[in-house]
Amino acid sequence: MERYGDHLEGEGLSEDQAKEFLGALWQVMVAFVDLGFSVRAGDKFNPKSDIGMDDVLQYLCLEDTAPETVASLKTDKQKEP
């Protein structure tokens, strides 16, 4: 709650509900990691696929996103830190 609780302010959630929501969101993220999903820009689901994380993210981010907040496709050859 200390780190991400402020992102839920104004949503009308009790503290217990906010904790439960953040816990559930964390479990979803852990599941994606366990399945081997990468979130690097330009990554494809498999070498023969035309669909990648960028394609999925466009459906998750329904609002127009400022270009400076979107990862460049030119980073796909860089190593992750």
N, C-alpha and C. Protein backbone atom coordinates (compact mmCIF):
# COMPACT_ATOMS: atom_id res chain seq x y z
N MET A 1 0.82 -1.19 0.00
CA MET A 1 0.00 0.00 0.00
C MET A 1 0.86 1.25 0.00
N GLU A 2 1.99 1.18 0.67
CA GLU A 2 2.86 2.35 0.74
C GLU A 2 3.29 2.80 -0.65
N ARG A 3 3.62 1.83 -1.48
CA ARG A 3 4.21 2.16 -2.77
C ARG A 3 3.16 2.48 -3.85
N TYR A 4 2.05 1.75 -3.88
CA TYR A 4 1.09 1.90 -4.97
C TYR A 4 -0.30 2.32 -4.53
N GLY A 5 -0.53 2.41 -3.24
CA GLY A 5 -1.85 2.75 -2.74
C GLY A 5 -2.37 4.09 -3.23
N ASP A 6 -1.49 5.05 -3.43
CA ASP A 6 -1.94 6.37 -3.88
C ASP A 6 -2.53 6.34 -5.29
N HIS A 7 -2.20 5.31 -6.07
CA HIS A 7 -2.77 5.19 -7.42
C HIS A 7 -4.25 4.82 -7.38
N LEU A 8 -4.71 4.35 -6.24
CA LEU A 8 -6.11 3.94 -6.11
C LEU A 8 -6.96 4.98 -5.39
N GLU A 9 -6.36 6.10 -5.01
CA GLU A 9 -7.13 7.16 -4.35
C GLU A 9 -8.21 7.66 -5.30
N GLY A 10 -9.38 7.92 -4.75
CA GLY A 10 -10.48 8.42 -5.55
C GLY A 10 -11.29 7.32 -6.23
N GLU A 11 -10.93 6.06 -5.98
CA GLU A 11 -11.66 4.94 -6.59
C GLU A 11 -12.77 4.42 -5.69
N GLY A 12 -12.87 4.97 -4.49
CA GLY A 12 -13.93 4.57 -3.58
C GLY A 12 -13.72 3.21 -2.94
N LEU A 13 -12.47 2.78 -2.83
CA LEU A 13 -12.17 1.48 -2.23
C LEU A 13 -11.75 1.67 -0.77
N SER A 14 -12.17 0.73 0.06
CA SER A 14 -11.67 0.73 1.43
C SER A 14 -10.21 0.29 1.39
N GLU A 15 -9.52 0.44 2.51
CA GLU A 15 -8.12 0.02 2.55
C GLU A 15 -7.99 -1.48 2.31
N ASP A 16 -8.90 -2.25 2.88
CA ASP A 16 -8.88 -3.71 2.67
C ASP A 16 -9.13 -4.06 1.21
N GLN A 17 -10.07 -3.36 0.57
CA GLN A 17 -10.35 -3.62 -0.84
C GLN A 17 -9.15 -3.25 -1.71
N ALA A 18 -8.51 -2.13 -1.39
CA ALA A 18 -7.33 -1.71 -2.15
C ALA A 18 -6.21 -2.73 -2.01
N LYS A 19 -6.00 -3.23 -0.79
CA LYS A 19 -4.97 -4.26 -0.57
C LYS A 19 -5.30 -5.52 -1.36
N GLU A 20 -6.57 -5.92 -1.35
CA GLU A 20 -6.99 -7.11 -2.09
C GLU A 20 -6.79 -6.92 -3.59
N PHE A 21 -7.14 -5.74 -4.10
CA PHE A 21 -6.96 -5.45 -5.52
C PHE A 21 -5.49 -5.50 -5.92
N LEU A 22 -4.64 -4.84 -5.13
CA LEU A 22 -3.21 -4.83 -5.45
C LEU A 22 -2.62 -6.23 -5.36
N GLY A 23 -3.08 -7.02 -4.39
CA GLY A 23 -2.61 -8.41 -4.28
C GLY A 23 -3.02 -9.23 -5.49
N ALA A 24 -4.25 -9.05 -5.96
CA ALA A 24 -4.72 -9.79 -7.14
C ALA A 24 -3.95 -9.36 -8.38
N LEU A 25 -3.71 -8.06 -8.51
CA LEU A 25 -2.95 -7.56 -9.66
C LEU A 25 -1.53 -8.13 -9.64
N TRP A 26 -0.94 -8.20 -8.46
CA TRP A 26 0.40 -8.78 -8.32
C TRP A 26 0.41 -10.24 -8.77
N GLN A 27 -0.61 -10.99 -8.38
CA GLN A 27 -0.68 -12.40 -8.76
C GLN A 27 -0.81 -12.56 -10.28
N VAL A 28 -1.53 -11.66 -10.94
CA VAL A 28 -1.63 -11.70 -12.40
C VAL A 28 -0.26 -11.45 -13.01
N MET A 29 0.47 -10.47 -12.50
CA MET A 29 1.80 -10.17 -13.03
C MET A 29 2.75 -11.35 -12.82
N VAL A 30 2.69 -11.97 -11.65
CA VAL A 30 3.53 -13.13 -11.36
C VAL A 30 3.20 -14.27 -12.32
N ALA A 31 1.93 -14.46 -12.62
CA ALA A 31 1.52 -15.52 -13.55
C ALA A 31 2.11 -15.29 -14.93
N PHE A 32 2.10 -14.04 -15.41
CA PHE A 32 2.70 -13.74 -16.71
C PHE A 32 4.19 -14.03 -16.71
N VAL A 33 4.86 -13.69 -15.63
CA VAL A 33 6.30 -13.98 -15.52
C VAL A 33 6.53 -15.48 -15.51
N ASP A 34 5.72 -16.20 -14.74
CA ASP A 34 5.86 -17.65 -14.67
C ASP A 34 5.65 -18.31 -16.04
N LEU A 35 4.78 -17.72 -16.85
CA LEU A 35 4.53 -18.25 -18.19
C LEU A 35 5.61 -17.85 -19.19
N GLY A 36 6.52 -17.00 -18.76
CA GLY A 36 7.63 -16.61 -19.62
C GLY A 36 7.34 -15.43 -20.53
N PHE A 37 6.31 -14.65 -20.20
CA PHE A 37 6.01 -13.49 -21.02
C PHE A 37 7.04 -12.40 -20.76
N SER A 38 7.45 -11.76 -21.82
CA SER A 38 8.35 -10.61 -21.71
C SER A 38 7.52 -9.37 -22.00
N VAL A 39 7.91 -8.26 -21.44
CA VAL A 39 7.21 -7.02 -21.71
C VAL A 39 8.11 -6.01 -22.39
N ARG A 40 9.18 -6.49 -23.00
CA ARG A 40 10.06 -5.58 -23.73
C ARG A 40 9.39 -5.19 -25.04
N ALA A 41 9.55 -3.94 -25.42
CA ALA A 41 8.97 -3.46 -26.67
C ALA A 41 9.51 -4.27 -27.84
N GLY A 42 8.63 -4.65 -28.73
CA GLY A 42 9.04 -5.36 -29.93
C GLY A 42 9.10 -6.86 -29.79
N ASP A 43 9.06 -7.39 -28.57
CA ASP A 43 9.11 -8.84 -28.39
C ASP A 43 7.86 -9.49 -28.97
N LYS A 44 8.05 -10.60 -29.64
CA LYS A 44 6.95 -11.39 -30.19
C LYS A 44 6.70 -12.57 -29.26
N PHE A 45 5.50 -13.14 -29.33
CA PHE A 45 5.17 -14.28 -28.47
C PHE A 45 5.99 -15.50 -28.82
N ASN A 46 6.30 -15.67 -30.08
CA ASN A 46 7.22 -16.72 -30.52
C ASN A 46 7.82 -16.26 -31.84
N PRO A 47 8.92 -16.86 -32.29
CA PRO A 47 9.62 -16.38 -33.49
C PRO A 47 8.76 -16.34 -34.75
N LYS A 48 7.75 -17.18 -34.85
CA LYS A 48 6.91 -17.22 -36.05
C LYS A 48 5.66 -16.35 -35.93
N SER A 49 5.48 -15.70 -34.81
CA SER A 49 4.27 -14.93 -34.54
C SER A 49 4.37 -13.52 -35.10
N ASP A 50 3.25 -13.01 -35.56
CA ASP A 50 3.16 -11.61 -35.95
C ASP A 50 2.62 -10.75 -34.81
N ILE A 51 2.28 -11.38 -33.71
CA ILE A 51 1.68 -10.68 -32.58
C ILE A 51 2.67 -10.66 -31.42
N GLY A 52 2.81 -9.50 -30.81
CA GLY A 52 3.73 -9.37 -29.69
C GLY A 52 3.13 -8.59 -28.56
N MET A 53 3.95 -8.28 -27.57
CA MET A 53 3.49 -7.55 -26.39
C MET A 53 2.93 -6.19 -26.76
N ASP A 54 3.51 -5.53 -27.76
CA ASP A 54 3.01 -4.21 -28.15
C ASP A 54 1.56 -4.31 -28.62
N ASP A 55 1.23 -5.40 -29.33
CA ASP A 55 -0.12 -5.58 -29.83
C ASP A 55 -1.10 -5.79 -28.68
N VAL A 56 -0.68 -6.53 -27.66
CA VAL A 56 -1.54 -6.77 -26.50
C VAL A 56 -1.70 -5.48 -25.71
N LEU A 57 -0.62 -4.74 -25.53
CA LEU A 57 -0.67 -3.52 -24.73
C LEU A 57 -1.61 -2.49 -25.32
N GLN A 58 -1.76 -2.45 -26.65
CA GLN A 58 -2.66 -1.47 -27.25
C GLN A 58 -4.12 -1.73 -26.85
N TYR A 59 -4.44 -2.98 -26.54
CA TYR A 59 -5.79 -3.29 -26.08
C TYR A 59 -5.96 -3.02 -24.60
N LEU A 60 -4.87 -3.06 -23.84
CA LEU A 60 -4.94 -2.80 -22.41
C LEU A 60 -4.93 -1.32 -22.10
N CYS A 61 -4.25 -0.52 -22.93
CA CYS A 61 -4.15 0.92 -22.73
C CYS A 61 -5.16 1.59 -23.65
N LEU A 62 -6.38 1.78 -23.18
CA LEU A 62 -7.45 2.27 -24.03
C LEU A 62 -7.37 3.77 -24.27
N GLU A 63 -6.66 4.49 -23.44
CA GLU A 63 -6.51 5.93 -23.62
C GLU A 63 -5.32 6.20 -24.52
N ASP A 64 -5.38 7.34 -25.22
CA ASP A 64 -4.21 7.73 -25.99
C ASP A 64 -3.07 7.98 -25.02
N THR A 65 -1.91 7.43 -25.32
CA THR A 65 -0.76 7.54 -24.44
C THR A 65 0.25 8.49 -25.07
N ALA A 66 0.78 9.38 -24.27
CA ALA A 66 1.77 10.32 -24.77
C ALA A 66 2.96 9.55 -25.33
N PRO A 67 3.47 9.94 -26.52
CA PRO A 67 4.54 9.18 -27.16
C PRO A 67 5.78 9.03 -26.30
N GLU A 68 6.04 9.98 -25.41
CA GLU A 68 7.25 9.88 -24.59
C GLU A 68 7.13 8.81 -23.52
N THR A 69 5.93 8.27 -23.31
CA THR A 69 5.76 7.21 -22.31
C THR A 69 5.72 5.82 -22.92
N VAL A 70 5.82 5.72 -24.23
CA VAL A 70 5.74 4.43 -24.92
C VAL A 70 7.15 4.00 -25.32
N ALA A 71 7.50 2.75 -25.04
CA ALA A 71 8.83 2.23 -25.38
C ALA A 71 9.02 2.20 -26.89
N SER A 72 10.19 2.52 -27.32
CA SER A 72 10.53 2.50 -28.73
C SER A 72 10.73 1.07 -29.22
N LEU A 73 10.32 0.80 -30.44
CA LEU A 73 10.54 -0.52 -31.04
C LEU A 73 12.02 -0.78 -31.28
N LYS A 74 12.84 0.26 -31.27
CA LYS A 74 14.27 0.13 -31.53
C LYS A 74 15.01 -0.53 -30.37
N THR A 75 14.35 -0.80 -29.27
CA THR A 75 15.01 -1.38 -28.10
C THR A 75 14.99 -2.90 -28.10
N ASP A 76 14.39 -3.50 -29.12
CA ASP A 76 14.21 -4.96 -29.08
C ASP A 76 15.51 -5.74 -29.15
N LYS A 77 16.60 -5.14 -29.58
CA LYS A 77 17.88 -5.85 -29.67
C LYS A 77 18.76 -5.61 -28.44
N GLN A 78 18.31 -4.75 -27.54
CA GLN A 78 19.11 -4.44 -26.36
C GLN A 78 18.87 -5.48 -25.28
N LYS A 79 19.91 -5.74 -24.49
CA LYS A 79 19.78 -6.66 -23.37
C LYS A 79 19.03 -5.98 -22.23
N GLU A 80 18.26 -6.79 -21.51
CA GLU A 80 17.60 -6.26 -20.33
C GLU A 80 18.64 -6.09 -19.23
N PRO A 81 18.48 -5.04 -18.38
CA PRO A 81 19.46 -4.83 -17.30
C PRO A 81 19.40 -5.93 -16.27
